[in-house]
Amino acid sequence: MKKQEEQCNRKSKKGYIVIWTQEGATTTCYVALHPQVKGVSGKYLSDSNLSKITSHGTDANLVKKL
């Protein structure tokens, strides 16, 4: 575990956001399996909660660049 923590700290210093696999999969599993979000579509979820989309997510000019 110590080696993983060192790798996490090393990556964090370089500006990466590091999360473990279980944390990363939580929202995806929640949306796929939880009855509370059955039928929810076209929404943004973060950390298993409905969240506001930032201005970057709604910028039509950025969409065209992609």
N, C-alpha and C. Protein backbone atom coordinates (compact mmCIF):
# COMPACT_ATOMS: atom_id res chain seq x y z
N MET A 1 0.83 -1.21 0.00
CA MET A 1 0.00 0.00 0.00
C MET A 1 0.87 1.26 0.00
N LYS A 2 1.97 1.22 0.71
CA LYS A 2 2.83 2.39 0.77
C LYS A 2 3.33 2.79 -0.61
N LYS A 3 3.68 1.80 -1.43
CA LYS A 3 4.15 2.10 -2.78
C LYS A 3 3.06 2.80 -3.60
N GLN A 4 1.81 2.34 -3.46
CA GLN A 4 0.69 2.97 -4.17
C GLN A 4 0.51 4.40 -3.71
N GLU A 5 0.62 4.62 -2.39
CA GLU A 5 0.47 5.98 -1.85
C GLU A 5 1.56 6.89 -2.39
N GLU A 6 2.80 6.37 -2.48
CA GLU A 6 3.89 7.16 -3.01
C GLU A 6 3.63 7.52 -4.47
N GLN A 7 3.12 6.56 -5.25
CA GLN A 7 2.81 6.83 -6.65
C GLN A 7 1.72 7.88 -6.75
N CYS A 8 0.73 7.78 -5.89
CA CYS A 8 -0.38 8.75 -5.88
C CYS A 8 0.16 10.14 -5.56
N ASN A 9 1.00 10.23 -4.55
CA ASN A 9 1.56 11.53 -4.17
C ASN A 9 2.43 12.09 -5.28
N ARG A 10 3.20 11.24 -5.93
CA ARG A 10 4.07 11.69 -7.01
C ARG A 10 3.24 12.23 -8.17
N LYS A 11 2.17 11.53 -8.52
CA LYS A 11 1.32 11.98 -9.62
C LYS A 11 0.59 13.26 -9.24
N SER A 12 0.15 13.36 -8.00
CA SER A 12 -0.58 14.55 -7.57
C SER A 12 0.29 15.80 -7.68
N LYS A 13 1.58 15.66 -7.41
CA LYS A 13 2.49 16.80 -7.50
C LYS A 13 2.62 17.30 -8.93
N LYS A 14 2.35 16.44 -9.90
CA LYS A 14 2.46 16.83 -11.30
C LYS A 14 1.15 17.39 -11.83
N GLY A 15 0.14 17.53 -10.99
CA GLY A 15 -1.11 18.13 -11.40
C GLY A 15 -2.21 17.16 -11.79
N TYR A 16 -1.94 15.86 -11.65
CA TYR A 16 -2.98 14.89 -11.96
C TYR A 16 -3.95 14.76 -10.79
N ILE A 17 -5.19 14.43 -11.11
CA ILE A 17 -6.15 14.06 -10.08
C ILE A 17 -6.16 12.55 -10.05
N VAL A 18 -5.84 11.98 -8.91
CA VAL A 18 -5.71 10.53 -8.81
C VAL A 18 -6.78 9.98 -7.89
N ILE A 19 -7.55 9.02 -8.40
CA ILE A 19 -8.52 8.31 -7.57
C ILE A 19 -8.35 6.83 -7.83
N TRP A 20 -8.75 6.04 -6.89
CA TRP A 20 -8.66 4.59 -7.02
C TRP A 20 -9.80 4.09 -7.90
N THR A 21 -9.65 2.91 -8.45
CA THR A 21 -10.63 2.32 -9.36
C THR A 21 -12.02 2.28 -8.76
N GLN A 22 -12.13 1.87 -7.50
CA GLN A 22 -13.45 1.79 -6.86
C GLN A 22 -14.12 3.15 -6.80
N GLU A 23 -13.37 4.18 -6.51
CA GLU A 23 -13.94 5.53 -6.46
C GLU A 23 -14.39 5.97 -7.84
N GLY A 24 -13.59 5.67 -8.84
CA GLY A 24 -13.91 6.08 -10.20
C GLY A 24 -15.14 5.40 -10.76
N ALA A 25 -15.41 4.18 -10.32
CA ALA A 25 -16.54 3.41 -10.84
C ALA A 25 -17.83 3.66 -10.07
N THR A 26 -17.77 4.33 -8.96
CA THR A 26 -18.94 4.48 -8.10
C THR A 26 -20.12 5.13 -8.81
N THR A 27 -19.93 6.27 -9.45
CA THR A 27 -21.04 6.97 -10.10
C THR A 27 -21.59 6.16 -11.26
N THR A 28 -20.72 5.54 -12.04
CA THR A 28 -21.17 4.72 -13.17
C THR A 28 -22.04 3.57 -12.69
N CYS A 29 -21.61 2.88 -11.64
CA CYS A 29 -22.40 1.77 -11.09
C CYS A 29 -23.72 2.27 -10.50
N TYR A 30 -23.67 3.40 -9.82
CA TYR A 30 -24.88 3.98 -9.23
C TYR A 30 -25.92 4.27 -10.31
N VAL A 31 -25.50 4.92 -11.38
CA VAL A 31 -26.43 5.27 -12.46
C VAL A 31 -26.97 4.01 -13.14
N ALA A 32 -26.15 3.01 -13.28
CA ALA A 32 -26.57 1.79 -13.96
C ALA A 32 -27.51 0.93 -13.12
N LEU A 33 -27.40 0.99 -11.80
CA LEU A 33 -28.09 0.02 -10.97
C LEU A 33 -29.11 0.58 -9.97
N HIS A 34 -29.00 1.82 -9.59
CA HIS A 34 -29.86 2.32 -8.51
C HIS A 34 -31.24 2.73 -9.03
N PRO A 35 -32.29 2.26 -8.38
CA PRO A 35 -33.65 2.59 -8.84
C PRO A 35 -33.98 4.09 -8.73
N GLN A 36 -33.29 4.80 -7.88
CA GLN A 36 -33.57 6.23 -7.69
C GLN A 36 -33.30 7.05 -8.97
N VAL A 37 -32.42 6.57 -9.82
CA VAL A 37 -32.12 7.31 -11.05
C VAL A 37 -32.67 6.62 -12.30
N LYS A 38 -33.58 5.69 -12.10
CA LYS A 38 -34.19 5.02 -13.23
C LYS A 38 -34.95 6.05 -14.07
N GLY A 39 -34.69 6.06 -15.35
CA GLY A 39 -35.37 7.00 -16.25
C GLY A 39 -34.70 8.35 -16.36
N VAL A 40 -33.67 8.62 -15.55
CA VAL A 40 -32.95 9.89 -15.65
C VAL A 40 -32.06 9.83 -16.88
N SER A 41 -32.16 10.84 -17.71
CA SER A 41 -31.39 10.85 -18.96
C SER A 41 -30.96 12.28 -19.28
N GLY A 42 -29.80 12.42 -19.88
CA GLY A 42 -29.34 13.73 -20.30
C GLY A 42 -28.88 14.62 -19.17
N LYS A 43 -28.59 14.06 -18.03
CA LYS A 43 -28.14 14.84 -16.87
C LYS A 43 -26.67 14.53 -16.58
N TYR A 44 -26.01 15.40 -15.86
CA TYR A 44 -24.62 15.22 -15.46
C TYR A 44 -24.59 14.83 -13.99
N LEU A 45 -23.89 13.75 -13.70
CA LEU A 45 -23.73 13.31 -12.31
C LEU A 45 -22.27 13.31 -11.94
N SER A 46 -21.98 13.73 -10.74
CA SER A 46 -20.62 13.72 -10.20
C SER A 46 -20.71 13.22 -8.77
N ASP A 47 -19.88 12.27 -8.42
CA ASP A 47 -19.90 11.67 -7.08
C ASP A 47 -21.30 11.19 -6.72
N SER A 48 -21.97 10.56 -7.67
CA SER A 48 -23.31 9.98 -7.51
C SER A 48 -24.40 11.00 -7.20
N ASN A 49 -24.18 12.24 -7.57
CA ASN A 49 -25.17 13.30 -7.35
C ASN A 49 -25.38 14.08 -8.64
N LEU A 50 -26.62 14.52 -8.86
CA LEU A 50 -26.86 15.43 -9.98
C LEU A 50 -26.06 16.70 -9.76
N SER A 51 -25.40 17.17 -10.80
CA SER A 51 -24.55 18.35 -10.68
C SER A 51 -24.82 19.30 -11.83
N LYS A 52 -24.44 20.54 -11.64
CA LYS A 52 -24.57 21.53 -12.70
C LYS A 52 -23.46 21.32 -13.71
N ILE A 53 -23.78 21.53 -14.97
CA ILE A 53 -22.78 21.46 -16.02
C ILE A 53 -22.06 22.81 -16.05
N THR A 54 -20.74 22.78 -16.15
CA THR A 54 -19.99 24.02 -16.21
C THR A 54 -20.19 24.70 -17.56
N SER A 55 -19.73 25.91 -17.66
CA SER A 55 -19.86 26.64 -18.92
C SER A 55 -19.10 25.95 -20.05
N HIS A 56 -18.04 25.24 -19.72
CA HIS A 56 -17.29 24.49 -20.74
C HIS A 56 -18.15 23.39 -21.36
N GLY A 57 -19.05 22.83 -20.56
CA GLY A 57 -19.90 21.75 -21.05
C GLY A 57 -21.04 22.21 -21.93
N THR A 58 -21.29 23.50 -21.96
CA THR A 58 -22.40 24.02 -22.78
C THR A 58 -21.94 25.02 -23.83
N ASP A 59 -20.62 25.14 -24.00
CA ASP A 59 -20.06 26.11 -24.95
C ASP A 59 -20.11 25.53 -26.37
N ALA A 60 -20.96 26.09 -27.22
CA ALA A 60 -21.14 25.59 -28.59
C ALA A 60 -19.87 25.69 -29.41
N ASN A 61 -19.07 26.72 -29.18
CA ASN A 61 -17.81 26.86 -29.92
C ASN A 61 -16.82 25.75 -29.57
N LEU A 62 -16.76 25.36 -28.31
CA LEU A 62 -15.90 24.24 -27.92
C LEU A 62 -16.40 22.94 -28.52
N VAL A 63 -17.70 22.78 -28.60
CA VAL A 63 -18.28 21.58 -29.20
C VAL A 63 -17.84 21.45 -30.66
N LYS A 64 -17.86 22.56 -31.38
CA LYS A 64 -17.46 22.54 -32.79
C LYS A 64 -15.97 22.16 -32.94
N LYS A 65 -15.14 22.60 -32.01
CA LYS A 65 -13.72 22.28 -32.06
C LYS A 65 -13.47 20.79 -31.83
N LEU A 66 -14.31 20.17 -31.05
CA LEU A 66 -14.15 18.74 -30.81
C LEU A 66 -14.52 17.96 -32.03
